């Protein structure tokens, strides 16, 4: 499989306070496209970063309406994958993907 196709299934890492707290438990959070499933995410993470994935949780964030300055704004939803790695392994997100 071509490297370009592997990176199509992982959009970006999510770096927030909550996701950095999860990194203490060997968990990494990535934003993924809406049409992917757990098997393809696991296969791509293992090939790109050369780590062993033990578990994947996928959360679907829905579209929502936000009111800013008296106007309604549509905030698009996305899908995020919380990936649990084998104990002792890690992914360095500072190098970029």
PDB file of N, CA and C in Angstrom:
ATOM      1  N   UNK A   1       0.852  -1.185   0.000  1.00  0.00           N
ATOM      2  CA  UNK A   1       0.000   0.000   0.000  1.00  0.00           C
ATOM      3  C   UNK A   1       0.892   1.242   0.000  1.00  0.00           C
ATOM      4  N   UNK A   2       0.507   2.206  -0.753  1.00  0.00           N
ATOM      5  CA  UNK A   2       1.275   3.428  -0.913  1.00  0.00           C
ATOM      6  C   UNK A   2       1.200   4.281   0.350  1.00  0.00           C
ATOM      7  N   UNK A   3       2.285   4.981   0.687  1.00  0.00           N
ATOM      8  CA  UNK A   3       2.321   5.835   1.881  1.00  0.00           C
ATOM      9  C   UNK A   3       1.255   6.918   1.834  1.00  0.00           C
ATOM     10  N   UNK A   4       0.953   7.435   0.655  1.00  0.00           N
ATOM     11  CA  UNK A   4      -0.051   8.498   0.526  1.00  0.00           C
ATOM     12  C   UNK A   4      -1.415   7.987   0.983  1.00  0.00           C
ATOM     13  N   UNK A   5      -1.758   6.766   0.620  1.00  0.00           N
ATOM     14  CA  UNK A   5      -3.044   6.212   1.022  1.00  0.00           C
ATOM     15  C   UNK A   5      -3.109   5.975   2.526  1.00  0.00           C
ATOM     16  N   UNK A   6      -1.988   5.668   3.158  1.00  0.00           N
ATOM     17  CA  UNK A   6      -1.971   5.474   4.609  1.00  0.00           C
ATOM     18  C   UNK A   6      -2.271   6.774   5.335  1.00  0.00           C
ATOM     19  N   UNK A   7      -1.723   7.874   4.841  1.00  0.00           N
ATOM     20  CA  UNK A   7      -1.941   9.166   5.492  1.00  0.00           C
ATOM     21  C   UNK A   7      -3.329   9.739   5.210  1.00  0.00           C
ATOM     22  N   UNK A   8      -4.057   9.203   4.230  1.00  0.00           N
ATOM     23  CA  UNK A   8      -5.416   9.668   3.954  1.00  0.00           C
ATOM     24  C   UNK A   8      -6.379   9.283   5.065  1.00  0.00           C
ATOM     25  N   UNK A   9      -6.086   8.231   5.809  1.00  0.00           N
ATOM     26  CA  UNK A   9      -6.985   7.737   6.848  1.00  0.00           C
ATOM     27  C   UNK A   9      -6.737   8.384   8.209  1.00  0.00           C
ATOM     28  N   UNK A  10      -5.686   9.185   8.343  1.00  0.00           N
ATOM     29  CA  UNK A  10      -5.386   9.885   9.595  1.00  0.00           C
ATOM     30  C   UNK A  10      -5.178  11.354   9.240  1.00  0.00           C
ATOM     31  N   UNK A  11      -6.087  12.202   9.701  1.00  0.00           N
ATOM     32  CA  UNK A  11      -6.028  13.608   9.305  1.00  0.00           C
ATOM     33  C   UNK A  11      -5.024  14.396  10.139  1.00  0.00           C
ATOM     34  N   UNK A  12      -5.135  14.326  11.467  1.00  0.00           N
ATOM     35  CA  UNK A  12      -4.228  15.085  12.316  1.00  0.00           C
ATOM     36  C   UNK A  12      -4.327  14.585  13.749  1.00  0.00           C
ATOM     37  N   UNK A  13      -3.281  14.806  14.536  1.00  0.00           N
ATOM     38  CA  UNK A  13      -3.393  14.498  15.969  1.00  0.00           C
ATOM     39  C   UNK A  13      -4.180  15.604  16.672  1.00  0.00           C
ATOM     40  N   UNK A  14      -4.885  15.240  17.712  1.00  0.00           N
ATOM     41  CA  UNK A  14      -5.620  16.217  18.505  1.00  0.00           C
ATOM     42  C   UNK A  14      -4.806  16.455  19.779  1.00  0.00           C
ATOM     43  N   UNK A  15      -4.326  17.690  19.935  1.00  0.00           N
ATOM     44  CA  UNK A  15      -3.494  18.028  21.086  1.00  0.00           C
ATOM     45  C   UNK A  15      -4.272  19.008  21.958  1.00  0.00           C
ATOM     46  N   UNK A  16      -4.879  18.483  22.997  1.00  0.00           N
ATOM     47  CA  UNK A  16      -5.597  19.287  23.975  1.00  0.00           C
ATOM     48  C   UNK A  16      -5.129  18.869  25.360  1.00  0.00           C
ATOM     49  N   UNK A  17      -5.634  19.535  26.365  1.00  0.00           N
ATOM     50  CA  UNK A  17      -5.256  19.183  27.728  1.00  0.00           C
ATOM     51  C   UNK A  17      -5.715  17.760  28.067  1.00  0.00           C
ATOM     52  N   UNK A  18      -6.904  17.425  27.640  1.00  0.00           N
ATOM     53  CA  UNK A  18      -7.429  16.095  27.917  1.00  0.00           C
ATOM     54  C   UNK A  18      -6.635  15.008  27.181  1.00  0.00           C
ATOM     55  N   UNK A  19      -6.266  15.266  25.935  1.00  0.00           N
ATOM     56  CA  UNK A  19      -5.515  14.258  25.186  1.00  0.00           C
ATOM     57  C   UNK A  19      -4.087  14.096  25.704  1.00  0.00           C
ATOM     58  N   UNK A  20      -3.486  15.165  26.222  1.00  0.00           N
ATOM     59  CA  UNK A  20      -2.153  15.017  26.802  1.00  0.00           C
ATOM     60  C   UNK A  20      -2.217  14.259  28.120  1.00  0.00           C
ATOM     61  N   UNK A  21      -3.313  14.387  28.859  1.00  0.00           N
ATOM     62  CA  UNK A  21      -3.474  13.575  30.068  1.00  0.00           C
ATOM     63  C   UNK A  21      -3.659  12.106  29.711  1.00  0.00           C
ATOM     64  N   UNK A  22      -4.294  11.818  28.585  1.00  0.00           N
ATOM     65  CA  UNK A  22      -4.454  10.436  28.137  1.00  0.00           C
ATOM     66  C   UNK A  22      -3.127   9.811  27.720  1.00  0.00           C
ATOM     67  N   UNK A  23      -2.160  10.635  27.321  1.00  0.00           N
ATOM     68  CA  UNK A  23      -0.871  10.093  26.878  1.00  0.00           C
ATOM     69  C   UNK A  23      -0.125   9.412  28.027  1.00  0.00           C
ATOM     70  N   UNK A  24      -0.469   9.746  29.267  1.00  0.00           N
ATOM     71  CA  UNK A  24       0.134   9.047  30.407  1.00  0.00           C
ATOM     72  C   UNK A  24      -0.340   7.594  30.481  1.00  0.00           C
ATOM     73  N   UNK A  25      -1.479   7.298  29.875  1.00  0.00           N
ATOM     74  CA  UNK A  25      -2.032   5.946  29.864  1.00  0.00           C
ATOM     75  C   UNK A  25      -1.758   5.238  28.535  1.00  0.00           C
ATOM     76  N   UNK A  26      -0.745   5.694  27.791  1.00  0.00           N
ATOM     77  CA  UNK A  26      -0.384   5.139  26.471  1.00  0.00           C
ATOM     78  C   UNK A  26      -1.509   5.293  25.461  1.00  0.00           C
ATOM     79  N   UNK A  27      -2.239   6.414  25.500  1.00  0.00           N
ATOM     80  CA  UNK A  27      -3.320   6.662  24.555  1.00  0.00           C
ATOM     81  C   UNK A  27      -3.006   7.906  23.743  1.00  0.00           C
ATOM     82  N   UNK A  28      -3.269   7.834  22.436  1.00  0.00           N
ATOM     83  CA  UNK A  28      -3.052   8.943  21.519  1.00  0.00           C
ATOM     84  C   UNK A  28      -4.383   9.216  20.817  1.00  0.00           C
ATOM     85  N   UNK A  29      -4.691  10.498  20.564  1.00  0.00           N
ATOM     86  CA  UNK A  29      -5.962  10.871  19.938  1.00  0.00           C
ATOM     87  C   UNK A  29      -5.680  11.468  18.556  1.00  0.00           C
ATOM     88  N   UNK A  30      -6.369  10.942  17.534  1.00  0.00           N
ATOM     89  CA  UNK A  30      -6.229  11.414  16.170  1.00  0.00           C
ATOM     90  C   UNK A  30      -7.592  11.780  15.604  1.00  0.00           C
ATOM     91  N   UNK A  31      -7.615  12.782  14.724  1.00  0.00           N
ATOM     92  CA  UNK A  31      -8.805  13.123  13.957  1.00  0.00           C
ATOM     93  C   UNK A  31      -8.763  12.288  12.686  1.00  0.00           C
ATOM     94  N   UNK A  32      -9.868  11.601  12.387  1.00  0.00           N
ATOM     95  CA  UNK A  32      -9.915  10.700  11.232  1.00  0.00           C
ATOM     96  C   UNK A  32     -11.118  11.054  10.359  1.00  0.00           C
ATOM     97  N   UNK A  33     -11.131  10.628   9.089  1.00  0.00           N
ATOM     98  CA  UNK A  33     -12.287  10.896   8.216  1.00  0.00           C
ATOM     99  C   UNK A  33     -13.544  10.180   8.718  1.00  0.00           C
ATOM    100  N   UNK A  34     -14.695  10.660   8.295  1.00  0.00           N
ATOM    101  CA  UNK A  34     -15.966  10.126   8.783  1.00  0.00           C
ATOM    102  C   UNK A  34     -16.261   8.708   8.306  1.00  0.00           C
ATOM    103  N   UNK A  35     -15.643   8.255   7.236  1.00  0.00           N
ATOM    104  CA  UNK A  35     -15.991   6.946   6.668  1.00  0.00           C
ATOM    105  C   UNK A  35     -15.026   5.828   7.034  1.00  0.00           C
ATOM    106  N   UNK A  36     -14.078   6.051   7.933  1.00  0.00           N
ATOM    107  CA  UNK A  36     -13.138   4.986   8.292  1.00  0.00           C
ATOM    108  C   UNK A  36     -13.698   4.153   9.437  1.00  0.00           C
ATOM    109  N   UNK A  37     -13.146   2.946   9.589  1.00  0.00           N
ATOM    110  CA  UNK A  37     -13.527   2.089  10.703  1.00  0.00           C
ATOM    111  C   UNK A  37     -12.295   1.712  11.511  1.00  0.00           C
ATOM    112  N   UNK A  38     -12.493   0.952  12.568  1.00  0.00           N
ATOM    113  CA  UNK A  38     -11.406   0.629  13.495  1.00  0.00           C
ATOM    114  C   UNK A  38     -10.296  -0.184  12.831  1.00  0.00           C
ATOM    115  N   UNK A  39     -10.668  -1.110  11.960  1.00  0.00           N
ATOM    116  CA  UNK A  39      -9.668  -1.980  11.332  1.00  0.00           C
ATOM    117  C   UNK A  39      -8.707  -1.190  10.457  1.00  0.00           C
ATOM    118  N   UNK A  40      -9.220  -0.263   9.656  1.00  0.00           N
ATOM    119  CA  UNK A  40      -8.342   0.500   8.777  1.00  0.00           C
ATOM    120  C   UNK A  40      -7.473   1.469   9.568  1.00  0.00           C
ATOM    121  N   UNK A  41      -8.021   2.057  10.634  1.00  0.00           N
ATOM    122  CA  UNK A  41      -7.227   2.964  11.461  1.00  0.00           C
ATOM    123  C   UNK A  41      -6.097   2.196  12.136  1.00  0.00           C
ATOM    124  N   UNK A  42      -6.398   1.016  12.671  1.00  0.00           N
ATOM    125  CA  UNK A  42      -5.376   0.208  13.344  1.00  0.00           C
ATOM    126  C   UNK A  42      -4.259  -0.186  12.374  1.00  0.00           C
ATOM    127  N   UNK A  43      -4.651  -0.633  11.191  1.00  0.00           N
ATOM    128  CA  UNK A  43      -3.667  -1.063  10.196  1.00  0.00           C
ATOM    129  C   UNK A  43      -2.758   0.100   9.788  1.00  0.00           C
ATOM    130  N   UNK A  44      -3.342   1.277   9.579  1.00  0.00           N
ATOM    131  CA  UNK A  44      -2.557   2.427   9.142  1.00  0.00           C
ATOM    132  C   UNK A  44      -1.648   2.951  10.241  1.00  0.00           C
ATOM    133  N   UNK A  45      -2.117   3.017  11.477  1.00  0.00           N
ATOM    134  CA  UNK A  45      -1.276   3.479  12.589  1.00  0.00           C
ATOM    135  C   UNK A  45      -0.085   2.548  12.777  1.00  0.00           C
ATOM    136  N   UNK A  46      -0.326   1.241  12.701  1.00  0.00           N
ATOM    137  CA  UNK A  46       0.764   0.285  12.881  1.00  0.00           C
ATOM    138  C   UNK A  46       1.789   0.379  11.755  1.00  0.00           C
ATOM    139  N   UNK A  47       1.343   0.651  10.526  1.00  0.00           N
ATOM    140  CA  UNK A  47       2.286   0.755   9.412  1.00  0.00           C
ATOM    141  C   UNK A  47       3.056   2.072   9.426  1.00  0.00           C
ATOM    142  N   UNK A  48       2.378   3.168   9.757  1.00  0.00           N
ATOM    143  CA  UNK A  48       3.037   4.477   9.719  1.00  0.00           C
ATOM    144  C   UNK A  48       4.039   4.629  10.858  1.00  0.00           C
ATOM    145  N   UNK A  49       3.598   4.344  12.092  1.00  0.00           N
ATOM    146  CA  UNK A  49       4.431   4.627  13.261  1.00  0.00           C
ATOM    147  C   UNK A  49       5.202   3.417  13.774  1.00  0.00           C
ATOM    148  N   UNK A  50       4.937   2.219  13.215  1.00  0.00           N
ATOM    149  CA  UNK A  50       5.623   0.989  13.613  1.00  0.00           C
ATOM    150  C   UNK A  50       5.475   0.719  15.112  1.00  0.00           C
ATOM    151  N   UNK A  51       4.222   0.735  15.583  1.00  0.00           N
ATOM    152  CA  UNK A  51       3.885   0.429  16.973  1.00  0.00           C
ATOM    153  C   UNK A  51       2.795  -0.639  16.976  1.00  0.00           C
ATOM    154  N   UNK A  52       2.556  -1.234  18.152  1.00  0.00           N
ATOM    155  CA  UNK A  52       1.488  -2.220  18.293  1.00  0.00           C
ATOM    156  C   UNK A  52       0.285  -1.570  18.952  1.00  0.00           C
ATOM    157  N   UNK A  53      -0.855  -1.636  18.295  1.00  0.00           N
ATOM    158  CA  UNK A  53      -2.100  -1.059  18.807  1.00  0.00           C
ATOM    159  C   UNK A  53      -2.875  -2.155  19.507  1.00  0.00           C
ATOM    160  N   UNK A  54      -3.283  -1.911  20.766  1.00  0.00           N
ATOM    161  CA  UNK A  54      -4.047  -2.906  21.498  1.00  0.00           C
ATOM    162  C   UNK A  54      -5.540  -2.641  21.460  1.00  0.00           C
ATOM    163  N   UNK A  55      -5.945  -1.366  21.383  1.00  0.00           N
ATOM    164  CA  UNK A  55      -7.366  -1.040  21.434  1.00  0.00           C
ATOM    165  C   UNK A  55      -7.617   0.282  20.722  1.00  0.00           C
ATOM    166  N   UNK A  56      -8.800   0.404  20.109  1.00  0.00           N
ATOM    167  CA  UNK A  56      -9.187   1.657  19.457  1.00  0.00           C
ATOM    168  C   UNK A  56     -10.625   1.981  19.846  1.00  0.00           C
ATOM    169  N   UNK A  57     -10.853   3.206  20.285  1.00  0.00           N
ATOM    170  CA  UNK A  57     -12.194   3.725  20.532  1.00  0.00           C
ATOM    171  C   UNK A  57     -12.433   4.851  19.541  1.00  0.00           C
ATOM    172  N   UNK A  58     -13.570   4.813  18.871  1.00  0.00           N
ATOM    173  CA  UNK A  58     -13.900   5.852  17.894  1.00  0.00           C
ATOM    174  C   UNK A  58     -15.115   6.623  18.396  1.00  0.00           C
ATOM    175  N   UNK A  59     -14.988   7.953  18.384  1.00  0.00           N
ATOM    176  CA  UNK A  59     -16.049   8.836  18.845  1.00  0.00           C
ATOM    177  C   UNK A  59     -16.461   9.719  17.681  1.00  0.00           C
ATOM    178  N   UNK A  60     -17.768   9.801  17.443  1.00  0.00           N
ATOM    179  CA  UNK A  60     -18.298  10.595  16.354  1.00  0.00           C
ATOM    180  C   UNK A  60     -18.839  11.904  16.921  1.00  0.00           C
ATOM    181  N   UNK A  61     -18.168  13.017  16.650  1.00  0.00           N
ATOM    182  CA  UNK A  61     -18.626  14.337  17.094  1.00  0.00           C
ATOM    183  C   UNK A  61     -19.592  14.874  16.044  1.00  0.00           C
ATOM    184  N   UNK A  62     -20.812  15.194  16.448  1.00  0.00           N
ATOM    185  CA  UNK A  62     -21.846  15.618  15.522  1.00  0.00           C
ATOM    186  C   UNK A  62     -21.737  17.098  15.189  1.00  0.00           C
ATOM    187  N   UNK A  63     -22.414  17.483  14.087  1.00  0.00           N
ATOM    188  CA  UNK A  63     -22.521  18.900  13.737  1.00  0.00           C
ATOM    189  C   UNK A  63     -23.300  19.619  14.824  1.00  0.00           C
ATOM    190  N   UNK A  64     -22.987  20.899  15.010  1.00  0.00           N
ATOM    191  CA  UNK A  64     -23.740  21.665  16.002  1.00  0.00           C
ATOM    192  C   UNK A  64     -23.827  23.114  15.557  1.00  0.00           C
ATOM    193  N   UNK A  65     -24.763  23.829  16.153  1.00  0.00           N
ATOM    194  CA  UNK A  65     -24.962  25.247  15.876  1.00  0.00           C
ATOM    195  C   UNK A  65     -24.416  26.042  17.055  1.00  0.00           C
ATOM    196  N   UNK A  66     -23.601  27.034  16.743  1.00  0.00           N
ATOM    197  CA  UNK A  66     -22.994  27.879  17.762  1.00  0.00           C
ATOM    198  C   UNK A  66     -23.458  29.316  17.511  1.00  0.00           C
ATOM    199  N   UNK A  67     -23.758  30.028  18.566  1.00  0.00           N
ATOM    200  CA  UNK A  67     -24.176  31.417  18.417  1.00  0.00           C
ATOM    201  C   UNK A  67     -23.001  32.314  18.805  1.00  0.00           C
ATOM    202  N   UNK A  68     -22.541  33.111  17.844  1.00  0.00           N
ATOM    203  CA  UNK A  68     -21.429  34.027  18.072  1.00  0.00           C
ATOM    204  C   UNK A  68     -21.818  35.392  17.532  1.00  0.00           C
ATOM    205  N   UNK A  69     -21.742  36.388  18.379  1.00  0.00           N
ATOM    206  CA  UNK A  69     -22.096  37.765  18.015  1.00  0.00           C
ATOM    207  C   UNK A  69     -23.514  37.866  17.466  1.00  0.00           C
ATOM    208  N   UNK A  70     -24.415  37.073  18.032  1.00  0.00           N
ATOM    209  CA  UNK A  70     -25.811  37.131  17.638  1.00  0.00           C
ATOM    210  C   UNK A  70     -26.152  36.393  16.360  1.00  0.00           C
ATOM    211  N   UNK A  71     -25.186  35.701  15.771  1.00  0.00           N
ATOM    212  CA  UNK A  71     -25.432  34.964  14.534  1.00  0.00           C
ATOM    213  C   UNK A  71     -25.241  33.476  14.779  1.00  0.00           C
ATOM    214  N   UNK A  72     -26.003  32.695  14.065  1.00  0.00           N
ATOM    215  CA  UNK A  72     -25.858  31.248  14.155  1.00  0.00           C
ATOM    216  C   UNK A  72     -24.772  30.790  13.190  1.00  0.00           C
ATOM    217  N   UNK A  73     -23.840  29.991  13.706  1.00  0.00           N
ATOM    218  CA  UNK A  73     -22.735  29.480  12.908  1.00  0.00           C
ATOM    219  C   UNK A  73     -22.750  27.957  13.008  1.00  0.00           C
ATOM    220  N   UNK A  74     -22.614  27.299  11.872  1.00  0.00           N
ATOM    221  CA  UNK A  74     -22.566  25.841  11.866  1.00  0.00           C
ATOM    222  C   UNK A  74     -21.131  25.380  12.109  1.00  0.00           C
ATOM    223  N   UNK A  75     -20.944  24.557  13.124  1.00  0.00           N
ATOM    224  CA  UNK A  75     -19.645  23.963  13.420  1.00  0.00           C
ATOM    225  C   UNK A  75     -19.707  22.522  12.929  1.00  0.00           C
ATOM    226  N   UNK A  76     -18.857  22.185  11.969  1.00  0.00           N
ATOM    227  CA  UNK A  76     -18.929  20.850  11.381  1.00  0.00           C
ATOM    228  C   UNK A  76     -18.409  19.796  12.353  1.00  0.00           C
ATOM    229  N   UNK A  77     -18.991  18.635  12.280  1.00  0.00           N
ATOM    230  CA  UNK A  77     -18.583  17.532  13.135  1.00  0.00           C
ATOM    231  C   UNK A  77     -17.396  16.789  12.543  1.00  0.00           C
ATOM    232  N   UNK A  78     -16.860  15.876  13.324  1.00  0.00           N
ATOM    233  CA  UNK A  78     -15.728  15.072  12.882  1.00  0.00           C
ATOM    234  C   UNK A  78     -15.709  13.781  13.678  1.00  0.00           C
ATOM    235  N   UNK A  79     -14.822  12.894  13.312  1.00  0.00           N
ATOM    236  CA  UNK A  79     -14.667  11.623  13.997  1.00  0.00           C
ATOM    237  C   UNK A  79     -13.268  11.584  14.593  1.00  0.00           C
ATOM    238  N   UNK A  80     -13.167  11.146  15.846  1.00  0.00           N
ATOM    239  CA  UNK A  80     -11.837  11.034  16.445  1.00  0.00           C
ATOM    240  C   UNK A  80     -11.616   9.626  16.962  1.00  0.00           C
ATOM    241  N   UNK A  81     -10.372   9.191  16.885  1.00  0.00           N
ATOM    242  CA  UNK A  81      -9.991   7.849  17.301  1.00  0.00           C
ATOM    243  C   UNK A  81      -9.019   7.946  18.462  1.00  0.00           C
ATOM    244  N   UNK A  82      -9.359   7.275  19.567  1.00  0.00           N
ATOM    245  CA  UNK A  82      -8.466   7.188  20.722  1.00  0.00           C
ATOM    246  C   UNK A  82      -7.779   5.838  20.629  1.00  0.00           C
ATOM    247  N   UNK A  83      -6.462   5.871  20.450  1.00  0.00           N
ATOM    248  CA  UNK A  83      -5.688   4.673  20.179  1.00  0.00           C
ATOM    249  C   UNK A  83      -4.859   4.324  21.404  1.00  0.00           C
ATOM    250  N   UNK A  84      -5.025   3.094  21.898  1.00  0.00           N
ATOM    251  CA  UNK A  84      -4.244   2.612  23.030  1.00  0.00           C
ATOM    252  C   UNK A  84      -3.091   1.774  22.490  1.00  0.00           C
ATOM    253  N   UNK A  85      -1.879   2.134  22.897  1.00  0.00           N
ATOM    254  CA  UNK A  85      -0.686   1.440  22.434  1.00  0.00           C
ATOM    255  C   UNK A  85      -0.249   0.383  23.444  1.00  0.00           C
ATOM    256  N   UNK A  86       0.565  -0.551  22.971  1.00  0.00           N
ATOM    257  CA  UNK A  86       1.127  -1.567  23.847  1.00  0.00           C
ATOM    258  C   UNK A  86       2.018  -0.897  24.881  1.00  0.00           C
ATOM    259  N   UNK A  87       2.053  -1.429  26.078  1.00  0.00           N
ATOM    260  CA  UNK A  87       2.811  -0.829  27.178  1.00  0.00           C
ATOM    261  C   UNK A  87       4.287  -0.700  26.790  1.00  0.00           C
ATOM    262  N   UNK A  88       4.841   0.466  27.036  1.00  0.00           N
ATOM    263  CA  UNK A  88       6.245   0.731  26.716  1.00  0.00           C
ATOM    264  C   UNK A  88       6.461   1.398  25.369  1.00  0.00           C
ATOM    265  N   UNK A  89       5.436   1.482  24.535  1.00  0.00           N
ATOM    266  CA  UNK A  89       5.555   2.114  23.227  1.00  0.00           C
ATOM    267  C   UNK A  89       4.920   3.496  23.256  1.00  0.00           C
ATOM    268  N   UNK A  90       5.398   4.375  22.381  1.00  0.00           N
ATOM    269  CA  UNK A  90       4.839   5.720  22.312  1.00  0.00           C
ATOM    270  C   UNK A  90       5.011   6.271  20.907  1.00  0.00           C
ATOM    271  N   UNK A  91       4.245   7.324  20.617  1.00  0.00           N
ATOM    272  CA  UNK A  91       4.329   8.034  19.345  1.00  0.00           C
ATOM    273  C   UNK A  91       4.723   9.460  19.668  1.00  0.00           C
ATOM    274  N   UNK A  92       5.779   9.959  19.017  1.00  0.00           N
ATOM    275  CA  UNK A  92       6.226  11.345  19.243  1.00  0.00           C
ATOM    276  C   UNK A  92       5.474  12.240  18.272  1.00  0.00           C
ATOM    277  N   UNK A  93       4.530  13.019  18.785  1.00  0.00           N
ATOM    278  CA  UNK A  93       3.713  13.887  17.943  1.00  0.00           C
ATOM    279  C   UNK A  93       4.411  15.176  17.564  1.00  0.00           C
ATOM    280  N   UNK A  94       5.529  15.502  18.188  1.00  0.00           N
ATOM    281  CA  UNK A  94       6.219  16.753  17.878  1.00  0.00           C
ATOM    282  C   UNK A  94       6.940  16.681  16.531  1.00  0.00           C
ATOM    283  N   UNK A  95       7.206  15.466  16.019  1.00  0.00           N
ATOM    284  CA  UNK A  95       7.893  15.341  14.741  1.00  0.00           C
ATOM    285  C   UNK A  95       6.950  15.569  13.570  1.00  0.00           C
ATOM    286  N   UNK A  96       5.646  15.405  13.789  1.00  0.00           N
ATOM    287  CA  UNK A  96       4.672  15.593  12.716  1.00  0.00           C
ATOM    288  C   UNK A  96       4.441  14.328  11.945  1.00  0.00           C
ATOM    289  N   UNK A  97       3.325  14.306  11.185  1.00  0.00           N
ATOM    290  CA  UNK A  97       3.037  13.114  10.374  1.00  0.00           C
ATOM    291  C   UNK A  97       2.994  13.485   8.917  1.00  0.00           C
TER     292      UNK A  97
END
